[in-house]
């Protein structure tokens, strides 16, 4: 790959892993990890296939048993919060580099926490979620992918960055960071 321009390498990555959008580095702070907080991470316009979705911890979490779950919500048309996966295990005392990872498949599947920092040992493995759609007139849905915190509130230096890899599936479809 050393002989390819950076823009060519980026396009190859888009084709292999999907389009990548991320929240601001360490942009998910204590307010995002407050019990019952709903944080909208990404705008979704149209229909997309979610290939990978995870938050990567960028700060150390305290001993409080905080959990999260990803969900989607739409304003056009109006579609209430729809959980994409069940809550992950506790984020208590985890350190920078650990990820809470969406694994796709059945909605009731549990969001998985990686076994150590810097290594993700699970993935969506081709089990995509199709998020969004088009109305009967062909207009794109407009909504978001968010994160709901439960269990307990973090009180120290908890921060994270959200990552979404996706393929557009309708004309004009895209996702962008909200945080």
Protein backbone atom coordinates (compact mmCIF):
# COMPACT_ATOMS: atom_id res chain seq x y z
CA UNK A 1 0.00 0.00 0.00
CA UNK A 2 3.01 2.31 0.33
CA UNK A 3 2.80 3.12 -3.39
CA UNK A 4 -0.80 4.34 -3.18
CA UNK A 5 -1.67 7.93 -2.39
CA UNK A 6 -3.41 8.47 0.98
CA UNK A 7 -6.68 9.33 -0.81
CA UNK A 8 -6.53 6.03 -2.74
CA UNK A 9 -5.89 4.10 0.48
CA UNK A 10 -8.89 5.85 2.07
CA UNK A 11 -11.17 4.85 -0.85
CA UNK A 12 -9.98 1.24 -0.66
CA UNK A 13 -10.77 1.24 3.07
CA UNK A 14 -14.28 2.60 2.33
CA UNK A 15 -14.85 -0.31 -0.06
CA UNK A 16 -13.56 -2.97 2.32
CA UNK A 17 -14.66 -1.80 5.79
CA UNK A 18 -17.39 0.70 4.92
CA UNK A 19 -17.58 4.47 5.21
CA UNK A 20 -16.16 5.61 8.56
CA UNK A 21 -17.57 8.40 10.68
CA UNK A 22 -16.60 9.09 14.27
CA UNK A 23 -17.58 11.42 17.06
CA UNK A 24 -15.11 14.03 18.29
CA UNK A 25 -12.10 12.38 19.92
CA UNK A 26 -13.00 11.85 23.61
CA UNK A 27 -16.22 13.78 22.88
CA UNK A 28 -18.35 11.43 24.96
CA UNK A 29 -17.83 12.69 28.50
CA UNK A 30 -19.48 12.30 31.87
CA UNK A 31 -22.89 13.53 30.68
CA UNK A 32 -22.98 10.64 28.18
CA UNK A 33 -22.27 8.17 31.00
CA UNK A 34 -24.98 9.36 33.39
CA UNK A 35 -27.63 6.79 34.32
CA UNK A 36 -30.61 7.02 31.91
CA UNK A 37 -28.83 9.53 29.62
CA UNK A 38 -29.67 9.22 25.92
CA UNK A 39 -26.85 10.58 23.74
CA UNK A 40 -27.40 10.89 20.00
CA UNK A 41 -24.11 9.89 18.34
CA UNK A 42 -24.76 9.95 14.58
CA UNK A 43 -27.32 11.47 12.22
CA UNK A 44 -28.67 8.95 9.71
CA UNK A 45 -30.23 10.10 6.45
CA UNK A 46 -31.75 7.47 4.17
CA UNK A 47 -31.05 3.75 4.49
CA UNK A 48 -27.64 2.52 5.64
CA UNK A 49 -26.15 -0.89 6.45
CA UNK A 50 -24.30 -0.76 9.78
CA UNK A 51 -21.12 -2.81 9.36
CA UNK A 52 -19.33 -1.89 12.62
CA UNK A 53 -20.42 0.29 15.54
CA UNK A 54 -18.50 0.74 18.78
CA UNK A 55 -17.37 3.19 21.41
CA UNK A 56 -13.71 3.19 22.35
CA UNK A 57 -12.88 4.29 25.87
CA UNK A 58 -10.40 7.18 25.94
CA UNK A 59 -10.34 7.68 29.70
CA UNK A 60 -10.44 5.45 32.76
CA UNK A 61 -13.86 4.52 34.11
CA UNK A 62 -14.58 4.40 37.86
CA UNK A 63 -15.97 1.42 39.81
CA UNK A 64 -19.63 2.31 39.09
CA UNK A 65 -21.43 -0.39 37.06
CA UNK A 66 -22.37 1.72 34.02
CA UNK A 67 -23.83 -0.04 30.96
CA UNK A 68 -24.80 1.20 27.49
CA UNK A 69 -26.95 0.06 24.58
CA UNK A 70 -27.14 1.42 21.01
CA UNK A 71 -30.48 2.43 19.53
CA UNK A 72 -31.98 4.28 16.55
CA UNK A 73 -34.73 6.90 16.41
CA UNK A 74 -36.33 8.70 13.46
CA UNK A 75 -38.02 12.08 13.17
CA UNK A 76 -38.99 11.67 9.49
CA UNK A 77 -41.13 9.61 9.62
CA UNK A 78 -41.71 9.50 13.36
CA UNK A 79 -40.31 6.22 14.72
CA UNK A 80 -39.76 5.85 18.47
CA UNK A 81 -36.48 4.70 20.02
CA UNK A 82 -35.65 1.20 18.82
CA UNK A 83 -32.91 -0.69 20.68
CA UNK A 84 -30.32 -2.22 18.33
CA UNK A 85 -28.73 -4.47 20.97
CA UNK A 86 -29.11 -5.26 24.65
CA UNK A 87 -26.97 -3.50 27.27
CA UNK A 88 -23.30 -4.38 27.48
CA UNK A 89 -21.75 -5.69 30.67
CA UNK A 90 -20.46 -3.22 33.21
CA UNK A 91 -17.89 -0.64 32.13
CA UNK A 92 -16.67 -0.42 35.75
CA UNK A 93 -12.93 0.17 36.18
CA UNK A 94 -12.14 -0.25 32.47
CA UNK A 95 -9.25 1.64 30.90
CA UNK A 96 -8.40 3.51 27.74
CA UNK A 97 -8.56 1.37 24.58
CA UNK A 98 -11.33 -1.02 25.66
CA UNK A 99 -14.30 -1.07 23.27
CA UNK A 100 -18.04 -1.71 23.67
CA UNK A 101 -18.79 -3.34 20.32
CA UNK A 102 -22.03 -3.90 18.37
CA UNK A 103 -22.01 -7.47 17.02
CA UNK A 104 -25.05 -7.37 14.74
CA UNK A 105 -27.49 -10.23 14.42
CA UNK A 106 -30.57 -10.47 16.60
CA UNK A 107 -31.68 -7.26 18.31
CA UNK A 108 -31.62 -8.95 21.73
CA UNK A 109 -27.92 -9.86 21.41
CA UNK A 110 -25.71 -8.24 24.02
CA UNK A 111 -23.32 -5.43 23.17
CA UNK A 112 -19.86 -6.92 23.87
CA UNK A 113 -16.95 -5.42 25.80
CA UNK A 114 -13.55 -6.37 24.38
CA UNK A 115 -11.30 -8.51 26.55
CA UNK A 116 -8.47 -5.96 26.71
CA UNK A 117 -7.40 -2.53 25.55
CA UNK A 118 -6.34 -2.23 21.92
CA UNK A 119 -7.78 -5.58 20.80
CA UNK A 120 -11.29 -6.18 19.53
CA UNK A 121 -11.99 -9.90 19.60
CA UNK A 122 -15.58 -9.65 18.31
CA UNK A 123 -17.16 -8.00 15.28
CA UNK A 124 -20.43 -7.78 13.43
CA UNK A 125 -19.15 -10.66 11.23
CA UNK A 126 -21.37 -9.77 8.28
CA UNK A 127 -24.49 -9.49 10.45
CA UNK A 128 -25.49 -5.99 9.45
CA UNK A 129 -28.42 -3.96 10.71
CA UNK A 130 -30.29 -2.00 8.06
CA UNK A 131 -31.09 1.36 9.63
CA UNK A 132 -33.39 3.98 8.10
CA UNK A 133 -35.26 3.83 4.82
CA UNK A 134 -37.28 5.76 2.27
CA UNK A 135 -40.88 6.99 2.45
CA UNK A 136 -43.57 6.05 -0.08
CA UNK A 137 -42.64 9.20 -2.04
CA UNK A 138 -38.93 8.26 -2.12
CA UNK A 139 -37.81 10.77 0.52
CA UNK A 140 -35.04 9.62 2.84
CA UNK A 141 -35.78 8.89 6.49
CA UNK A 142 -34.02 11.26 8.89
CA UNK A 143 -32.97 10.08 12.33
CA UNK A 144 -30.07 9.08 14.52
CA UNK A 145 -28.12 6.29 16.13
CA UNK A 146 -27.75 6.91 19.84
CA UNK A 147 -26.51 5.41 23.06
CA UNK A 148 -28.58 4.88 26.22
CA UNK A 149 -26.70 4.66 29.51
CA UNK A 150 -28.04 2.55 32.36
CA UNK A 151 -26.95 0.90 35.58
CA UNK A 152 -24.95 3.63 37.27
CA UNK A 153 -23.46 7.06 36.65
CA UNK A 154 -19.74 7.54 36.06
CA UNK A 155 -18.21 10.18 38.33
CA UNK A 156 -14.56 10.47 37.28
CA UNK A 157 -12.70 10.81 33.97
CA UNK A 158 -14.90 8.60 31.79
CA UNK A 159 -14.55 9.61 28.13
CA UNK A 160 -15.00 7.76 24.84
CA UNK A 161 -15.14 8.15 21.07
CA UNK A 162 -17.93 6.61 18.97
CA UNK A 163 -17.17 4.93 15.62
CA UNK A 164 -19.57 3.88 12.85
CA UNK A 165 -18.65 2.01 9.66
CA UNK A 166 -21.51 1.77 7.16
CA UNK A 167 -22.58 1.37 3.54
CA UNK A 168 -25.16 3.74 2.03
CA UNK A 169 -28.15 1.77 0.70
CA UNK A 170 -30.40 4.47 -0.76
CA UNK A 171 -29.72 7.44 -3.00
CA UNK A 172 -28.27 10.30 -0.96
CA UNK A 173 -27.91 8.16 2.20
CA UNK A 174 -25.22 9.11 4.70
CA UNK A 175 -24.32 9.27 8.38
CA UNK A 176 -22.47 12.05 10.23
CA UNK A 177 -21.32 12.62 13.79
CA UNK A 178 -23.50 14.61 16.20
CA UNK A 179 -20.99 14.81 19.07
